Amino acid sequence: SSPISINTPKGVLKLDSLKGQVVYLDFWASWCAPCKKSFPWLN
């Protein structure tokens, strides 16, 4: 419905610029206990 733009330390990333790749888009927060477990796997 509208393009997704993500603020990153290197500037804005438009999600549609990653077309052609398979993307695992993950939402996380500092207080999230399962996120602590997921980061090693994401790496």
All heavy atoms as atom14 arrays in JSON, in Angstrom:
{
  "sequence": "SSPISINTPKGVLKLDSLKGQVVYLDFWASWCAPCKKSFPWLN",
  "atom14_mask": [
    [1, 1, 1, 1, 1, 1, 0, 0, 0, 0, 0, 0, 0, 0],
    [1, 1, 1, 1, 1, 1, 0, 0, 0, 0, 0, 0, 0, 0],
    [1, 1, 1, 1, 1, 1, 1, 0, 0, 0, 0, 0, 0, 0],
    [1, 1, 1, 1, 1, 1, 1, 1, 0, 0, 0, 0, 0, 0],
    [1, 1, 1, 1, 1, 1, 0, 0, 0, 0, 0, 0, 0, 0],
    [1, 1, 1, 1, 1, 1, 1, 1, 0, 0, 0, 0, 0, 0],
    [1, 1, 1, 1, 1, 1, 1, 1, 0, 0, 0, 0, 0, 0],
    [1, 1, 1, 1, 1, 1, 1, 0, 0, 0, 0, 0, 0, 0],
    [1, 1, 1, 1, 1, 1, 1, 0, 0, 0, 0, 0, 0, 0],
    [1, 1, 1, 1, 1, 1, 1, 1, 1, 0, 0, 0, 0, 0],
    [1, 1, 1, 1, 0, 0, 0, 0, 0, 0, 0, 0, 0, 0],
    [1, 1, 1, 1, 1, 1, 1, 0, 0, 0, 0, 0, 0, 0],
    [1, 1, 1, 1, 1, 1, 1, 1, 0, 0, 0, 0, 0, 0],
    [1, 1, 1, 1, 1, 1, 1, 1, 1, 0, 0, 0, 0, 0],
    [1, 1, 1, 1, 1, 1, 1, 1, 0, 0, 0, 0, 0, 0],
    [1, 1, 1, 1, 1, 1, 1, 1, 0, 0, 0, 0, 0, 0],
    [1, 1, 1, 1, 1, 1, 0, 0, 0, 0, 0, 0, 0, 0],
    [1, 1, 1, 1, 1, 1, 1, 1, 0, 0, 0, 0, 0, 0],
    [1, 1, 1, 1, 1, 1, 1, 1, 1, 0, 0, 0, 0, 0],
    [1, 1, 1, 1, 0, 0, 0, 0, 0, 0, 0, 0, 0, 0],
    [1, 1, 1, 1, 1, 1, 1, 1, 1, 0, 0, 0, 0, 0],
    [1, 1, 1, 1, 1, 1, 1, 0, 0, 0, 0, 0, 0, 0],
    [1, 1, 1, 1, 1, 1, 1, 0, 0, 0, 0, 0, 0, 0],
    [1, 1, 1, 1, 1, 1, 1, 1, 1, 1, 1, 1, 0, 0],
    [1, 1, 1, 1, 1, 1, 1, 1, 0, 0, 0, 0, 0, 0],
    [1, 1, 1, 1, 1, 1, 1, 1, 0, 0, 0, 0, 0, 0],
    [1, 1, 1, 1, 1, 1, 1, 1, 1, 1, 1, 0, 0, 0],
    [1, 1, 1, 1, 1, 1, 1, 1, 1, 1, 1, 1, 1, 1],
    [1, 1, 1, 1, 1, 0, 0, 0, 0, 0, 0, 0, 0, 0],
    [1, 1, 1, 1, 1, 1, 0, 0, 0, 0, 0, 0, 0, 0],
    [1, 1, 1, 1, 1, 1, 1, 1, 1, 1, 1, 1, 1, 1],
    [1, 1, 1, 1, 1, 1, 0, 0, 0, 0, 0, 0, 0, 0],
    [1, 1, 1, 1, 1, 0, 0, 0, 0, 0, 0, 0, 0, 0],
    [1, 1, 1, 1, 1, 1, 1, 0, 0, 0, 0, 0, 0, 0],
    [1, 1, 1, 1, 1, 1, 0, 0, 0, 0, 0, 0, 0, 0],
    [1, 1, 1, 1, 1, 1, 1, 1, 1, 0, 0, 0, 0, 0],
    [1, 1, 1, 1, 1, 1, 1, 1, 1, 0, 0, 0, 0, 0],
    [1, 1, 1, 1, 1, 1, 0, 0, 0, 0, 0, 0, 0, 0],
    [1, 1, 1, 1, 1, 1, 1, 1, 1, 1, 1, 0, 0, 0],
    [1, 1, 1, 1, 1, 1, 1, 0, 0, 0, 0, 0, 0, 0],
    [1, 1, 1, 1, 1, 1, 1, 1, 1, 1, 1, 1, 1, 1],
    [1, 1, 1, 1, 1, 1, 1, 1, 0, 0, 0, 0, 0, 0],
    [1, 1, 1, 1, 1, 1, 1, 1, 0, 0, 0, 0, 0, 0]
  ],
  "atom14_positions": [
    [[0.81, -1.21, 0.0], [0.0, 0.0, 0.0], [0.85, 1.27, 0.0], [0.44, 2.27, -0.52], [-0.97, -0.01, 1.19], [-0.26, 0.01, 2.4], [0.0, 0.0, 0.0], [0.0, 0.0, 0.0], [0.0, 0.0, 0.0], [0.0, 0.0, 0.0], [0.0, 0.0, 0.0], [0.0, 0.0, 0.0], [0.0, 0.0, 0.0], [0.0, 0.0, 0.0]],
    [[2.01, 1.23, 0.59], [2.94, 2.34, 0.47], [4.35, 1.81, 0.71], [4.54, 0.91, 1.52], [2.59, 3.46, 1.45], [2.81, 3.06, 2.77], [0.0, 0.0, 0.0], [0.0, 0.0, 0.0], [0.0, 0.0, 0.0], [0.0, 0.0, 0.0], [0.0, 0.0, 0.0], [0.0, 0.0, 0.0], [0.0, 0.0, 0.0], [0.0, 0.0, 0.0]],
    [[5.31, 2.35, 0.01], [6.68, 1.86, 0.13], [7.21, 2.01, 1.56], [6.91, 2.98, 2.24], [7.48, 2.74, -0.83], [6.47, 3.39, -1.71], [5.19, 3.44, -0.94], [0.0, 0.0, 0.0], [0.0, 0.0, 0.0], [0.0, 0.0, 0.0], [0.0, 0.0, 0.0], [0.0, 0.0, 0.0], [0.0, 0.0, 0.0], [0.0, 0.0, 0.0]],
    [[7.98, 1.03, 1.97], [8.55, 1.06, 3.31], [9.96, 1.62, 3.24], [10.8, 1.13, 2.5], [8.55, -0.35, 3.92], [7.1, -0.8, 4.15], [9.34, -0.39, 5.22], [6.95, -2.21, 4.65], [0.0, 0.0, 0.0], [0.0, 0.0, 0.0], [0.0, 0.0, 0.0], [0.0, 0.0, 0.0], [0.0, 0.0, 0.0], [0.0, 0.0, 0.0]],
    [[10.18, 2.67, 4.02], [11.5, 3.29, 4.13], [11.98, 3.1, 5.55], [11.27, 3.42, 6.5], [11.44, 4.78, 3.8], [11.06, 4.97, 2.46], [0.0, 0.0, 0.0], [0.0, 0.0, 0.0], [0.0, 0.0, 0.0], [0.0, 0.0, 0.0], [0.0, 0.0, 0.0], [0.0, 0.0, 0.0], [0.0, 0.0, 0.0], [0.0, 0.0, 0.0]],
    [[13.21, 2.6, 5.69], [13.76, 2.26, 6.99], [14.96, 3.16, 7.27], [15.9, 3.21, 6.48], [14.19, 0.78, 7.02], [13.02, -0.13, 6.65], [14.78, 0.42, 8.39], [13.42, -1.55, 6.29], [0.0, 0.0, 0.0], [0.0, 0.0, 0.0], [0.0, 0.0, 0.0], [0.0, 0.0, 0.0], [0.0, 0.0, 0.0], [0.0, 0.0, 0.0]],
    [[14.93, 3.84, 8.41], [16.08, 4.66, 8.83], [17.16, 3.74, 9.38], [16.9, 2.95, 10.28], [15.67, 5.68, 9.88], [14.78, 6.75, 9.31], [14.98, 7.2, 8.19], [13.77, 7.14, 10.06], [0.0, 0.0, 0.0], [0.0, 0.0, 0.0], [0.0, 0.0, 0.0], [0.0, 0.0, 0.0], [0.0, 0.0, 0.0], [0.0, 0.0, 0.0]],
    [[18.37, 3.85, 8.81], [19.5, 3.07, 9.27], [20.65, 4.03, 9.58], [20.61, 5.19, 9.18], [19.97, 2.06, 8.18], [20.67, 2.77, 7.16], [18.81, 1.29, 7.59], [0.0, 0.0, 0.0], [0.0, 0.0, 0.0], [0.0, 0.0, 0.0], [0.0, 0.0, 0.0], [0.0, 0.0, 0.0], [0.0, 0.0, 0.0], [0.0, 0.0, 0.0]],
    [[21.68, 3.54, 10.26], [22.83, 4.43, 10.52], [23.51, 4.92, 9.24], [24.17, 5.94, 9.25], [23.78, 3.53, 11.32], [22.89, 2.52, 11.96], [21.79, 2.28, 10.97], [0.0, 0.0, 0.0], [0.0, 0.0, 0.0], [0.0, 0.0, 0.0], [0.0, 0.0, 0.0], [0.0, 0.0, 0.0], [0.0, 0.0, 0.0], [0.0, 0.0, 0.0]],
    [[23.3, 4.23, 8.13], [23.92, 4.62, 6.86], [22.96, 5.38, 5.96], [23.26, 5.61, 4.8], [24.44, 3.39, 6.14], [25.55, 2.7, 6.91], [26.08, 1.51, 6.17], [27.19, 0.85, 6.97], [27.77, -0.28, 6.29], [0.0, 0.0, 0.0], [0.0, 0.0, 0.0], [0.0, 0.0, 0.0], [0.0, 0.0, 0.0], [0.0, 0.0, 0.0]],
    [[21.8, 5.77, 6.48], [20.83, 6.5, 5.68], [19.53, 5.73, 5.56], [19.32, 4.74, 6.25], [0.0, 0.0, 0.0], [0.0, 0.0, 0.0], [0.0, 0.0, 0.0], [0.0, 0.0, 0.0], [0.0, 0.0, 0.0], [0.0, 0.0, 0.0], [0.0, 0.0, 0.0], [0.0, 0.0, 0.0], [0.0, 0.0, 0.0], [0.0, 0.0, 0.0]],
    [[18.68, 6.17, 4.67], [17.36, 5.55, 4.5], [17.47, 4.4, 3.51], [18.04, 4.54, 2.43], [16.33, 6.59, 4.01], [15.0, 5.94, 3.7], [16.16, 7.69, 5.04], [0.0, 0.0, 0.0], [0.0, 0.0, 0.0], [0.0, 0.0, 0.0], [0.0, 0.0, 0.0], [0.0, 0.0, 0.0], [0.0, 0.0, 0.0], [0.0, 0.0, 0.0]],
    [[16.91, 3.26, 3.91], [16.84, 2.09, 3.04], [15.39, 1.92, 2.61], [14.5, 1.84, 3.46], [17.31, 0.84, 3.79], [17.02, -0.49, 3.08], [17.95, -0.65, 1.88], [17.17, -1.66, 4.04], [0.0, 0.0, 0.0], [0.0, 0.0, 0.0], [0.0, 0.0, 0.0], [0.0, 0.0, 0.0], [0.0, 0.0, 0.0], [0.0, 0.0, 0.0]],
    [[15.17, 1.89, 1.31], [13.84, 1.59, 0.8], [13.77, 0.07, 0.64], [14.59, -0.51, -0.06], [13.61, 2.3, -0.52], [13.66, 3.81, -0.36], [12.72, 4.48, -1.31], [12.78, 5.97, -1.17], [12.01, 6.49, -0.08], [0.0, 0.0, 0.0], [0.0, 0.0, 0.0], [0.0, 0.0, 0.0], [0.0, 0.0, 0.0], [0.0, 0.0, 0.0]],
    [[12.8, -0.54, 1.31], [12.71, -1.99, 1.32], [12.59, -2.55, -0.1], [13.18, -3.59, -0.41], [11.54, -2.45, 2.19], [11.48, -3.93, 2.52], [12.75, -4.38, 3.23], [10.27, -4.24, 3.36], [0.0, 0.0, 0.0], [0.0, 0.0, 0.0], [0.0, 0.0, 0.0], [0.0, 0.0, 0.0], [0.0, 0.0, 0.0], [0.0, 0.0, 0.0]],
    [[11.89, -1.84, -0.97], [11.75, -2.36, -2.34], [13.07, -2.34, -3.11], [13.19, -2.98, -4.15], [10.64, -1.66, -3.11], [10.84, -0.17, -3.28], [11.88, 0.37, -2.84], [9.95, 0.48, -3.87], [0.0, 0.0, 0.0], [0.0, 0.0, 0.0], [0.0, 0.0, 0.0], [0.0, 0.0, 0.0], [0.0, 0.0, 0.0], [0.0, 0.0, 0.0]],
    [[14.09, -1.67, -2.59], [15.41, -1.71, -3.24], [16.07, -3.07, -3.05], [17.07, -3.37, -3.71], [16.33, -0.6, -2.7], [16.76, -0.9, -1.37], [0.0, 0.0, 0.0], [0.0, 0.0, 0.0], [0.0, 0.0, 0.0], [0.0, 0.0, 0.0], [0.0, 0.0, 0.0], [0.0, 0.0, 0.0], [0.0, 0.0, 0.0], [0.0, 0.0, 0.0]],
    [[15.53, -3.89, -2.18], [16.08, -5.22, -1.93], [15.41, -6.3, -2.78], [15.69, -7.48, -2.62], [15.96, -5.59, -0.44], [16.74, -4.68, 0.5], [16.51, -5.1, 1.95], [18.22, -4.67, 0.18], [0.0, 0.0, 0.0], [0.0, 0.0, 0.0], [0.0, 0.0, 0.0], [0.0, 0.0, 0.0], [0.0, 0.0, 0.0], [0.0, 0.0, 0.0]],
    [[14.52, -5.88, -3.69], [13.91, -6.87, -4.6], [15.03, -7.59, -5.33], [16.04, -6.99, -5.69], [12.95, -6.19, -5.58], [11.62, -5.9, -4.97], [10.63, -5.38, -5.99], [9.32, -5.07, -5.3], [8.35, -4.49, -6.2], [0.0, 0.0, 0.0], [0.0, 0.0, 0.0], [0.0, 0.0, 0.0], [0.0, 0.0, 0.0], [0.0, 0.0, 0.0]],
    [[14.84, -8.87, -5.53], [15.88, -9.7, -6.12], [16.61, -10.5, -5.05], [17.33, -11.44, -5.36], [0.0, 0.0, 0.0], [0.0, 0.0, 0.0], [0.0, 0.0, 0.0], [0.0, 0.0, 0.0], [0.0, 0.0, 0.0], [0.0, 0.0, 0.0], [0.0, 0.0, 0.0], [0.0, 0.0, 0.0], [0.0, 0.0, 0.0], [0.0, 0.0, 0.0]],
    [[16.41, -10.11, -3.8], [16.99, -10.84, -2.68], [15.86, -11.41, -1.82], [14.74, -10.92, -1.84], [17.84, -9.91, -1.81], [19.03, -9.32, -2.53], [19.88, -8.49, -1.58], [20.39, -9.01, -0.62], [19.99, -7.21, -1.87], [0.0, 0.0, 0.0], [0.0, 0.0, 0.0], [0.0, 0.0, 0.0], [0.0, 0.0, 0.0], [0.0, 0.0, 0.0]],
    [[16.18, -12.44, -1.06], [15.26, -12.95, -0.05], [15.59, -12.17, 1.22], [16.75, -12.04, 1.59], [15.44, -14.46, 0.16], [14.61, -14.95, 1.34], [15.09, -15.23, -1.12], [0.0, 0.0, 0.0], [0.0, 0.0, 0.0], [0.0, 0.0, 0.0], [0.0, 0.0, 0.0], [0.0, 0.0, 0.0], [0.0, 0.0, 0.0], [0.0, 0.0, 0.0]],
    [[14.57, -11.63, 1.87], [14.77, -10.77, 3.03], [14.06, -11.36, 4.25], [12.89, -11.76, 4.16], [14.25, -9.34, 2.77], [14.4, -8.46, 4.01], [14.97, -8.72, 1.57], [0.0, 0.0, 0.0], [0.0, 0.0, 0.0], [0.0, 0.0, 0.0], [0.0, 0.0, 0.0], [0.0, 0.0, 0.0], [0.0, 0.0, 0.0], [0.0, 0.0, 0.0]],
    [[14.77, -11.39, 5.35], [14.19, -11.73, 6.64], [14.09, -10.43, 7.41], [15.09, -9.86, 7.84], [15.09, -12.73, 7.38], [14.46, -13.32, 8.62], [13.7, -14.48, 8.55], [14.63, -12.71, 9.86], [13.14, -15.03, 9.68], [14.06, -13.25, 11.0], [13.32, -14.42, 10.91], [12.76, -14.95, 12.04], [0.0, 0.0, 0.0], [0.0, 0.0, 0.0]],
    [[12.87, -9.9, 7.51], [12.61, -8.62, 8.17], [12.16, -8.91, 9.59], [11.13, -9.55, 9.81], [11.54, -7.85, 7.41], [11.19, -6.45, 7.9], [12.4, -5.52, 7.77], [10.01, -5.9, 7.11], [0.0, 0.0, 0.0], [0.0, 0.0, 0.0], [0.0, 0.0, 0.0], [0.0, 0.0, 0.0], [0.0, 0.0, 0.0], [0.0, 0.0, 0.0]],
    [[12.95, -8.44, 10.56], [12.71, -8.76, 11.96], [12.49, -7.49, 12.76], [13.25, -6.53, 12.63], [13.93, -9.51, 12.5], [13.76, -9.98, 13.92], [12.97, -10.93, 14.12], [14.41, -9.43, 14.82], [0.0, 0.0, 0.0], [0.0, 0.0, 0.0], [0.0, 0.0, 0.0], [0.0, 0.0, 0.0], [0.0, 0.0, 0.0], [0.0, 0.0, 0.0]],
    [[11.44, -7.47, 13.59], [11.17, -6.34, 14.48], [11.56, -6.75, 15.89], [11.19, -7.83, 16.35], [9.69, -5.96, 14.43], [9.31, -5.29, 13.15], [8.97, -6.04, 12.04], [9.3, -3.9, 13.06], [8.62, -5.42, 10.85], [8.96, -3.28, 11.86], [8.63, -4.04, 10.76], [0.0, 0.0, 0.0], [0.0, 0.0, 0.0], [0.0, 0.0, 0.0]],
    [[12.31, -5.88, 16.57], [12.83, -6.22, 17.89], [12.84, -4.99, 18.79], [12.7, -3.86, 18.31], [14.23, -6.81, 17.79], [15.27, -5.86, 17.26], [15.47, -5.51, 15.94], [16.21, -5.11, 18.0], [16.49, -4.6, 15.85], [16.98, -4.34, 17.1], [16.51, -5.02, 19.37], [18.0, -3.49, 17.51], [17.54, -4.17, 19.77], [18.27, -3.42, 18.84]],
    [[13.01, -5.24, 20.09], [13.12, -4.16, 21.07], [14.1, -4.59, 22.16], [14.31, -5.78, 22.38], [11.75, -3.86, 21.68], [0.0, 0.0, 0.0], [0.0, 0.0, 0.0], [0.0, 0.0, 0.0], [0.0, 0.0, 0.0], [0.0, 0.0, 0.0], [0.0, 0.0, 0.0], [0.0, 0.0, 0.0], [0.0, 0.0, 0.0], [0.0, 0.0, 0.0]],
    [[14.67, -3.62, 22.83], [15.69, -3.9, 23.84], [15.15, -4.7, 25.01], [15.88, -5.45, 25.64], [16.3, -2.59, 24.35], [15.3, -1.81, 24.98], [0.0, 0.0, 0.0], [0.0, 0.0, 0.0], [0.0, 0.0, 0.0], [0.0, 0.0, 0.0], [0.0, 0.0, 0.0], [0.0, 0.0, 0.0], [0.0, 0.0, 0.0], [0.0, 0.0, 0.0]],
    [[13.9, -4.58, 25.32], [13.28, -5.26, 26.46], [12.83, -6.67, 26.14], [12.36, -7.4, 27.0], [12.1, -4.45, 26.98], [11.15, -4.03, 25.91], [11.13, -2.82, 25.28], [10.12, -4.81, 25.31], [10.14, -2.79, 24.32], [9.5, -4.02, 24.33], [9.65, -6.1, 25.5], [8.44, -4.47, 23.54], [8.59, -6.56, 24.72], [8.01, -5.74, 23.76]],
    [[12.97, -7.09, 24.91], [12.45, -8.37, 24.42], [13.43, -9.51, 24.72], [14.49, -9.6, 24.12], [12.21, -8.24, 22.92], [11.9, -9.79, 22.06], [0.0, 0.0, 0.0], [0.0, 0.0, 0.0], [0.0, 0.0, 0.0], [0.0, 0.0, 0.0], [0.0, 0.0, 0.0], [0.0, 0.0, 0.0], [0.0, 0.0, 0.0], [0.0, 0.0, 0.0]],
    [[13.05, -10.39, 25.65], [13.91, -11.52, 26.02], [14.15, -12.48, 24.84], [15.3, -12.88, 24.6], [13.34, -12.25, 27.22], [0.0, 0.0, 0.0], [0.0, 0.0, 0.0], [0.0, 0.0, 0.0], [0.0, 0.0, 0.0], [0.0, 0.0, 0.0], [0.0, 0.0, 0.0], [0.0, 0.0, 0.0], [0.0, 0.0, 0.0], [0.0, 0.0, 0.0]],
    [[13.13, -12.86, 24.07], [13.39, -13.75, 22.93], [14.31, -13.11, 21.86], [15.0, -13.82, 21.15], [12.01, -14.04, 22.35], [11.06, -13.78, 23.47], [11.69, -12.69, 24.28], [0.0, 0.0, 0.0], [0.0, 0.0, 0.0], [0.0, 0.0, 0.0], [0.0, 0.0, 0.0], [0.0, 0.0, 0.0], [0.0, 0.0, 0.0], [0.0, 0.0, 0.0]],
    [[14.31, -11.78, 21.79], [15.18, -11.11, 20.82], [16.65, -11.38, 21.15], [17.47, -11.53, 20.24], [14.91, -9.6, 20.81], [13.23, -9.16, 20.3], [0.0, 0.0, 0.0], [0.0, 0.0, 0.0], [0.0, 0.0, 0.0], [0.0, 0.0, 0.0], [0.0, 0.0, 0.0], [0.0, 0.0, 0.0], [0.0, 0.0, 0.0], [0.0, 0.0, 0.0]],
    [[16.96, -11.45, 22.42], [18.33, -11.75, 22.83], [18.76, -13.12, 22.32], [19.91, -13.32, 21.94], [18.46, -11.7, 24.35], [18.22, -10.34, 24.93], [18.18, -10.36, 26.44], [17.8, -8.99, 26.97], [17.62, -8.99, 28.42], [0.0, 0.0, 0.0], [0.0, 0.0, 0.0], [0.0, 0.0, 0.0], [0.0, 0.0, 0.0], [0.0, 0.0, 0.0]],
    [[17.83, -14.05, 22.29], [18.12, -15.41, 21.8], [18.16, -15.46, 20.28], [18.85, -16.28, 19.7], [17.08, -16.39, 22.33], [17.12, -16.55, 23.83], [16.06, -17.52, 24.28], [16.1, -17.69, 25.79], [15.05, -18.58, 26.27], [0.0, 0.0, 0.0], [0.0, 0.0, 0.0], [0.0, 0.0, 0.0], [0.0, 0.0, 0.0], [0.0, 0.0, 0.0]],
    [[17.39, -14.59, 19.63], [17.3, -14.65, 18.17], [18.51, -14.03, 17.47], [18.86, -14.43, 16.36], [16.03, -13.97, 17.67], [16.08, -12.57, 17.83], [0.0, 0.0, 0.0], [0.0, 0.0, 0.0], [0.0, 0.0, 0.0], [0.0, 0.0, 0.0], [0.0, 0.0, 0.0], [0.0, 0.0, 0.0], [0.0, 0.0, 0.0], [0.0, 0.0, 0.0]],
    [[19.17, -13.07, 18.09], [20.27, -12.36, 17.43], [21.42, -13.28, 17.0], [21.93, -13.13, 15.89], [20.75, -11.17, 18.25], [20.07, -9.88, 17.89], [18.68, -9.8, 17.83], [20.79, -8.76, 17.6], [18.04, -8.61, 17.48], [20.17, -7.56, 17.24], [18.8, -7.5, 17.18], [0.0, 0.0, 0.0], [0.0, 0.0, 0.0], [0.0, 0.0, 0.0]],
    [[21.87, -14.23, 17.82], [22.93, -15.13, 17.33], [22.49, -15.91, 16.09], [23.27, -16.08, 15.15], [23.18, -16.06, 18.52], [22.77, -15.26, 19.71], [21.59, -14.44, 19.24], [0.0, 0.0, 0.0], [0.0, 0.0, 0.0], [0.0, 0.0, 0.0], [0.0, 0.0, 0.0], [0.0, 0.0, 0.0], [0.0, 0.0, 0.0], [0.0, 0.0, 0.0]],
    [[21.23, -16.34, 16.07], [20.74, -17.06, 14.89], [20.65, -16.13, 13.68], [21.01, -16.52, 12.57], [19.37, -17.69, 15.18], [18.81, -18.38, 13.98], [19.28, -19.53, 13.4], [17.7, -17.96, 13.19], [18.51, -19.85, 12.3], [17.53, -18.9, 12.16], [16.82, -16.89, 13.27], [16.52, -18.8, 11.2], [15.82, -16.79, 12.32], [15.68, -17.73, 11.3]],
    [[20.2, -14.91, 13.88], [20.14, -13.95, 12.77], [21.53, -13.71, 12.2], [21.71, -13.62, 10.98], [19.49, -12.64, 13.22], [18.01, -12.71, 13.61], [17.54, -11.38, 14.17], [17.15, -13.16, 12.44], [0.0, 0.0, 0.0], [0.0, 0.0, 0.0], [0.0, 0.0, 0.0], [0.0, 0.0, 0.0], [0.0, 0.0, 0.0], [0.0, 0.0, 0.0]],
    [[22.53, -13.61, 13.07], [23.92, -13.48, 12.61], [24.33, -14.69, 11.79], [24.95, -14.56, 10.73], [24.88, -13.31, 13.8], [24.83, -11.93, 14.4], [24.6, -10.94, 13.73], [25.06, -11.86, 15.7], [0.0, 0.0, 0.0], [0.0, 0.0, 0.0], [0.0, 0.0, 0.0], [0.0, 0.0, 0.0], [0.0, 0.0, 0.0], [0.0, 0.0, 0.0]]
  ]
}
